[in-house]
Amino acid sequence: MILGQRIKEEGEKRGWTQNDLAELLNVSRQSVSKWEIGTAYPDIERLIQISDLFQVSLDSLIKGDEKFQKKIKVQNPQVGMTFWDFLSKRWWIIFVVAWCLAWLLPVIVHAFK
C-alpha cells in the first residue's frame, strides 16, 4: 500500500475529509489531496504528525511505499575530516600560526647565536 492510499483510508476510517485533515496538520487541502493521489509527499514533520493522529508508527506509514522510500535521503555522518575540510572551516588558524611563527622565529634564531 502506498502512503497516499494509507492517508486516505485512515482519514476515512475516522470520518475526516481532506479539509479536516488539512486543518489538523496546518496545511492546505490541496496538499492533502496531492499526498493522497501520490503527486507529492509530506515532509518529515508532517509524517510524524500524521502517525500521531492515526496512532500508527512511521515505519508502517512509509514501509509499503517504495517510491517514497527512494526519495528519502539518509545522510551518513562523516567520520573523519580531510585536510581540505579542515582548511575550509578553520582557515583563520593559518593566520594565527603564521603570526606566532613570525614572532617566535626571530627569538629562537637569536637564542642560538
N, C-alpha and C. Protein backbone atom coordinates (compact mmCIF):
# COMPACT_ATOMS: atom_id res chain seq x y z
N MET A 1 0.86 -1.19 0.00
CA MET A 1 0.00 0.00 0.00
C MET A 1 0.89 1.23 0.00
N ILE A 2 0.54 2.20 -0.80
CA ILE A 2 1.36 3.40 -0.84
C ILE A 2 0.86 4.41 0.19
N LEU A 3 1.71 5.35 0.50
CA LEU A 3 1.45 6.32 1.55
C LEU A 3 0.15 7.08 1.34
N GLY A 4 -0.09 7.55 0.12
CA GLY A 4 -1.30 8.32 -0.15
C GLY A 4 -2.56 7.54 0.12
N GLN A 5 -2.58 6.26 -0.29
CA GLN A 5 -3.74 5.42 -0.02
C GLN A 5 -3.94 5.23 1.47
N ARG A 6 -2.83 5.07 2.17
CA ARG A 6 -2.90 4.87 3.63
C ARG A 6 -3.47 6.10 4.32
N ILE A 7 -3.03 7.28 3.90
CA ILE A 7 -3.54 8.52 4.49
C ILE A 7 -5.05 8.64 4.23
N LYS A 8 -5.43 8.34 3.00
CA LYS A 8 -6.85 8.43 2.63
C LYS A 8 -7.69 7.45 3.44
N GLU A 9 -7.25 6.21 3.54
CA GLU A 9 -8.01 5.19 4.27
C GLU A 9 -8.11 5.51 5.76
N GLU A 10 -7.00 5.94 6.34
CA GLU A 10 -7.01 6.25 7.77
C GLU A 10 -7.93 7.44 8.06
N GLY A 11 -7.92 8.43 7.17
CA GLY A 11 -8.81 9.57 7.32
C GLY A 11 -10.27 9.16 7.20
N GLU A 12 -10.56 8.31 6.22
CA GLU A 12 -11.94 7.85 6.02
C GLU A 12 -12.43 7.02 7.20
N LYS A 13 -11.53 6.22 7.81
CA LYS A 13 -11.91 5.43 8.99
C LYS A 13 -12.43 6.34 10.11
N ARG A 14 -11.84 7.51 10.19
CA ARG A 14 -12.21 8.45 11.25
C ARG A 14 -13.30 9.43 10.81
N GLY A 15 -13.69 9.32 9.57
CA GLY A 15 -14.73 10.20 9.05
C GLY A 15 -14.24 11.62 8.76
N TRP A 16 -12.94 11.75 8.52
CA TRP A 16 -12.35 13.06 8.25
C TRP A 16 -12.34 13.33 6.75
N THR A 17 -12.63 14.55 6.38
CA THR A 17 -12.48 14.98 5.00
C THR A 17 -11.05 15.48 4.81
N GLN A 18 -10.71 15.79 3.57
CA GLN A 18 -9.40 16.38 3.31
C GLN A 18 -9.26 17.70 4.06
N ASN A 19 -10.34 18.46 4.12
CA ASN A 19 -10.31 19.74 4.86
C ASN A 19 -10.03 19.52 6.33
N ASP A 20 -10.68 18.51 6.92
CA ASP A 20 -10.47 18.21 8.34
C ASP A 20 -9.01 17.87 8.61
N LEU A 21 -8.47 16.99 7.79
CA LEU A 21 -7.08 16.58 7.97
C LEU A 21 -6.14 17.76 7.74
N ALA A 22 -6.43 18.56 6.75
CA ALA A 22 -5.59 19.73 6.46
C ALA A 22 -5.58 20.69 7.64
N GLU A 23 -6.72 20.91 8.27
CA GLU A 23 -6.77 21.80 9.43
C GLU A 23 -5.99 21.23 10.60
N LEU A 24 -6.11 19.91 10.82
CA LEU A 24 -5.38 19.28 11.92
C LEU A 24 -3.87 19.36 11.73
N LEU A 25 -3.43 19.33 10.47
CA LEU A 25 -1.99 19.33 10.16
C LEU A 25 -1.45 20.72 9.80
N ASN A 26 -2.33 21.72 9.78
CA ASN A 26 -1.95 23.09 9.41
C ASN A 26 -1.34 23.16 8.01
N VAL A 27 -2.00 22.49 7.07
CA VAL A 27 -1.60 22.54 5.67
C VAL A 27 -2.85 22.84 4.84
N SER A 28 -2.67 23.03 3.56
CA SER A 28 -3.82 23.28 2.69
C SER A 28 -4.50 21.97 2.31
N ARG A 29 -5.76 22.07 1.91
CA ARG A 29 -6.49 20.90 1.44
C ARG A 29 -5.83 20.34 0.20
N GLN A 30 -5.27 21.24 -0.62
CA GLN A 30 -4.59 20.81 -1.84
C GLN A 30 -3.38 19.93 -1.52
N SER A 31 -2.69 20.25 -0.43
CA SER A 31 -1.54 19.43 -0.03
C SER A 31 -2.00 18.02 0.31
N VAL A 32 -3.06 17.92 1.09
CA VAL A 32 -3.59 16.60 1.46
C VAL A 32 -4.02 15.85 0.21
N SER A 33 -4.66 16.54 -0.72
CA SER A 33 -5.09 15.92 -1.97
C SER A 33 -3.89 15.38 -2.74
N LYS A 34 -2.82 16.17 -2.83
CA LYS A 34 -1.62 15.73 -3.55
C LYS A 34 -0.99 14.51 -2.87
N TRP A 35 -1.00 14.49 -1.54
CA TRP A 35 -0.48 13.32 -0.82
C TRP A 35 -1.29 12.09 -1.16
N GLU A 36 -2.61 12.25 -1.15
CA GLU A 36 -3.50 11.11 -1.38
C GLU A 36 -3.37 10.53 -2.79
N ILE A 37 -3.17 11.40 -3.78
CA ILE A 37 -3.04 10.88 -5.15
C ILE A 37 -1.59 10.53 -5.52
N GLY A 38 -0.65 10.87 -4.64
CA GLY A 38 0.74 10.47 -4.84
C GLY A 38 1.58 11.40 -5.69
N THR A 39 1.13 12.64 -5.90
CA THR A 39 1.95 13.57 -6.68
C THR A 39 2.90 14.37 -5.80
N ALA A 40 2.70 14.29 -4.49
CA ALA A 40 3.59 14.96 -3.53
C ALA A 40 3.62 14.13 -2.26
N TYR A 41 4.62 14.39 -1.44
CA TYR A 41 4.75 13.67 -0.18
C TYR A 41 4.87 14.68 0.96
N PRO A 42 4.36 14.32 2.13
CA PRO A 42 4.52 15.22 3.27
C PRO A 42 5.97 15.24 3.75
N ASP A 43 6.36 16.37 4.37
CA ASP A 43 7.71 16.43 4.94
C ASP A 43 7.74 15.59 6.21
N ILE A 44 8.92 15.43 6.77
CA ILE A 44 9.08 14.54 7.92
C ILE A 44 8.28 15.01 9.14
N GLU A 45 8.18 16.31 9.33
CA GLU A 45 7.39 16.82 10.46
C GLU A 45 5.93 16.45 10.29
N ARG A 46 5.41 16.57 9.08
CA ARG A 46 4.01 16.20 8.82
C ARG A 46 3.82 14.69 8.96
N LEU A 47 4.80 13.91 8.52
CA LEU A 47 4.69 12.46 8.69
C LEU A 47 4.57 12.08 10.15
N ILE A 48 5.34 12.75 10.99
CA ILE A 48 5.26 12.49 12.44
C ILE A 48 3.88 12.86 12.96
N GLN A 49 3.37 14.02 12.53
CA GLN A 49 2.03 14.43 12.95
C GLN A 49 0.98 13.43 12.47
N ILE A 50 1.11 12.98 11.23
CA ILE A 50 0.16 12.02 10.68
C ILE A 50 0.20 10.72 11.46
N SER A 51 1.39 10.24 11.77
CA SER A 51 1.49 8.99 12.53
C SER A 51 0.88 9.14 13.92
N ASP A 52 1.05 10.31 14.52
CA ASP A 52 0.43 10.56 15.83
C ASP A 52 -1.09 10.62 15.72
N LEU A 53 -1.59 11.32 14.71
CA LEU A 53 -3.04 11.44 14.52
C LEU A 53 -3.70 10.08 14.29
N PHE A 54 -3.06 9.26 13.45
CA PHE A 54 -3.64 7.96 13.12
C PHE A 54 -3.22 6.87 14.10
N GLN A 55 -2.35 7.22 15.02
CA GLN A 55 -1.84 6.29 16.02
C GLN A 55 -1.22 5.05 15.37
N VAL A 56 -0.35 5.32 14.38
CA VAL A 56 0.40 4.26 13.72
C VAL A 56 1.87 4.68 13.71
N SER A 57 2.75 3.72 13.52
CA SER A 57 4.17 4.04 13.50
C SER A 57 4.56 4.65 12.16
N LEU A 58 5.64 5.43 12.18
CA LEU A 58 6.18 5.97 10.93
C LEU A 58 6.56 4.83 9.99
N ASP A 59 7.11 3.80 10.56
CA ASP A 59 7.53 2.64 9.78
C ASP A 59 6.36 2.07 8.99
N SER A 60 5.22 1.91 9.64
CA SER A 60 4.07 1.32 8.95
C SER A 60 3.49 2.27 7.90
N LEU A 61 3.69 3.57 8.09
CA LEU A 61 3.20 4.55 7.11
C LEU A 61 3.99 4.49 5.80
N ILE A 62 5.30 4.41 5.91
CA ILE A 62 6.13 4.55 4.70
C ILE A 62 6.69 3.24 4.16
N LYS A 63 6.60 2.18 4.93
CA LYS A 63 7.26 0.95 4.52
C LYS A 63 6.73 0.38 3.21
N GLY A 64 5.45 0.51 2.94
CA GLY A 64 4.89 -0.07 1.72
C GLY A 64 5.08 0.78 0.48
N ASP A 65 5.55 2.00 0.64
CA ASP A 65 5.67 2.92 -0.49
C ASP A 65 7.12 3.00 -0.94
N GLU A 66 7.47 2.16 -1.91
CA GLU A 66 8.87 2.08 -2.37
C GLU A 66 9.32 3.38 -3.03
N LYS A 67 8.41 4.02 -3.76
CA LYS A 67 8.75 5.28 -4.43
C LYS A 67 9.13 6.34 -3.40
N PHE A 68 8.39 6.40 -2.31
CA PHE A 68 8.68 7.36 -1.26
C PHE A 68 9.99 7.01 -0.55
N GLN A 69 10.21 5.72 -0.31
CA GLN A 69 11.44 5.30 0.35
C GLN A 69 12.67 5.73 -0.43
N LYS A 70 12.56 5.70 -1.77
CA LYS A 70 13.70 6.10 -2.60
C LYS A 70 13.96 7.60 -2.52
N LYS A 71 12.90 8.36 -2.24
CA LYS A 71 13.06 9.82 -2.14
C LYS A 71 13.71 10.23 -0.82
N ILE A 72 13.61 9.37 0.18
CA ILE A 72 14.19 9.69 1.48
C ILE A 72 15.70 9.57 1.38
N LYS A 73 16.39 10.62 1.74
CA LYS A 73 17.84 10.61 1.69
C LYS A 73 18.37 10.55 3.11
N VAL A 74 19.18 9.56 3.37
CA VAL A 74 19.81 9.41 4.67
C VAL A 74 21.25 9.87 4.54
N GLN A 75 21.61 10.83 5.34
CA GLN A 75 22.97 11.33 5.28
C GLN A 75 23.79 10.61 6.33
N ASN A 76 24.87 10.00 5.87
CA ASN A 76 25.78 9.33 6.79
C ASN A 76 26.68 10.36 7.43
N PRO A 77 26.80 10.31 8.74
CA PRO A 77 27.71 11.26 9.37
C PRO A 77 29.14 11.00 8.94
N GLN A 78 29.85 12.07 8.71
CA GLN A 78 31.24 11.94 8.26
C GLN A 78 32.10 11.60 9.47
N VAL A 79 32.83 10.50 9.36
CA VAL A 79 33.63 10.03 10.48
C VAL A 79 34.86 10.90 10.69
N GLY A 80 35.58 11.19 9.64
CA GLY A 80 36.79 11.97 9.76
C GLY A 80 36.71 13.25 8.95
N MET A 81 37.72 14.06 9.13
CA MET A 81 37.77 15.32 8.40
C MET A 81 39.05 15.32 7.58
N THR A 82 38.92 15.63 6.30
CA THR A 82 40.10 15.70 5.46
C THR A 82 40.82 17.02 5.72
N PHE A 83 42.03 17.11 5.20
CA PHE A 83 42.81 18.33 5.36
C PHE A 83 42.07 19.51 4.75
N TRP A 84 41.43 19.30 3.59
CA TRP A 84 40.75 20.39 2.91
C TRP A 84 39.47 20.79 3.65
N ASP A 85 38.78 19.81 4.26
CA ASP A 85 37.61 20.15 5.08
C ASP A 85 38.04 21.01 6.26
N PHE A 86 39.17 20.62 6.87
CA PHE A 86 39.69 21.39 7.99
C PHE A 86 40.01 22.82 7.57
N LEU A 87 40.71 22.98 6.45
CA LEU A 87 41.07 24.31 5.98
C LEU A 87 39.84 25.16 5.63
N SER A 88 38.84 24.54 5.04
CA SER A 88 37.66 25.31 4.65
C SER A 88 36.88 25.82 5.86
N LYS A 89 37.00 25.12 6.98
CA LYS A 89 36.28 25.54 8.18
C LYS A 89 37.15 26.31 9.17
N ARG A 90 38.44 26.06 9.13
CA ARG A 90 39.33 26.67 10.12
C ARG A 90 40.45 27.47 9.45
N TRP A 91 40.15 28.17 8.37
CA TRP A 91 41.15 28.90 7.61
C TRP A 91 41.86 29.96 8.45
N TRP A 92 41.19 30.50 9.44
CA TRP A 92 41.76 31.57 10.26
C TRP A 92 42.93 31.08 11.10
N ILE A 93 43.01 29.77 11.35
CA ILE A 93 44.10 29.23 12.16
C ILE A 93 45.44 29.43 11.46
N ILE A 94 45.43 29.43 10.14
CA ILE A 94 46.66 29.63 9.38
C ILE A 94 47.28 30.98 9.74
N PHE A 95 46.44 32.00 9.86
CA PHE A 95 46.94 33.33 10.21
C PHE A 95 47.50 33.37 11.63
N VAL A 96 46.84 32.68 12.54
CA VAL A 96 47.32 32.64 13.93
C VAL A 96 48.66 31.95 14.00
N VAL A 97 48.79 30.80 13.33
CA VAL A 97 50.05 30.05 13.34
C VAL A 97 51.15 30.88 12.65
N ALA A 98 50.84 31.51 11.54
CA ALA A 98 51.84 32.33 10.83
C ALA A 98 52.29 33.49 11.71
N TRP A 99 51.38 34.11 12.42
CA TRP A 99 51.75 35.23 13.30
C TRP A 99 52.65 34.74 14.43
N CYS A 100 52.30 33.59 15.01
CA CYS A 100 53.13 33.04 16.09
C CYS A 100 54.53 32.69 15.59
N LEU A 101 54.62 32.09 14.41
CA LEU A 101 55.93 31.76 13.86
C LEU A 101 56.74 33.01 13.54
N ALA A 102 56.09 34.03 13.02
CA ALA A 102 56.79 35.27 12.69
C ALA A 102 57.32 35.93 13.96
N TRP A 103 56.62 35.76 15.05
CA TRP A 103 57.05 36.36 16.31
C TRP A 103 58.11 35.49 16.99
N LEU A 104 57.93 34.16 16.95
CA LEU A 104 58.84 33.26 17.65
C LEU A 104 60.14 32.98 16.89
N LEU A 105 60.11 32.95 15.60
CA LEU A 105 61.30 32.61 14.80
C LEU A 105 62.50 33.50 15.12
N PRO A 106 62.33 34.82 15.12
CA PRO A 106 63.49 35.65 15.47
C PRO A 106 64.00 35.40 16.90
N VAL A 107 63.11 35.10 17.81
CA VAL A 107 63.52 34.83 19.19
C VAL A 107 64.34 33.54 19.24
N ILE A 108 63.92 32.51 18.53
CA ILE A 108 64.64 31.25 18.52
C ILE A 108 65.99 31.40 17.83
N VAL A 109 66.02 32.09 16.70
CA VAL A 109 67.28 32.31 15.99
C VAL A 109 68.26 33.10 16.86
N HIS A 110 67.78 34.12 17.54
CA HIS A 110 68.63 34.92 18.41
C HIS A 110 69.15 34.10 19.58
N ALA A 111 68.38 33.15 20.07
CA ALA A 111 68.80 32.31 21.22
C ALA A 111 69.94 31.37 20.82
N PHE A 112 70.03 30.95 19.59
CA PHE A 112 71.06 30.02 19.16
C PHE A 112 72.31 30.72 18.61
N LYS A 113 72.32 32.04 18.58
CA LYS A 113 73.52 32.74 18.11
C LYS A 113 74.56 32.81 19.17
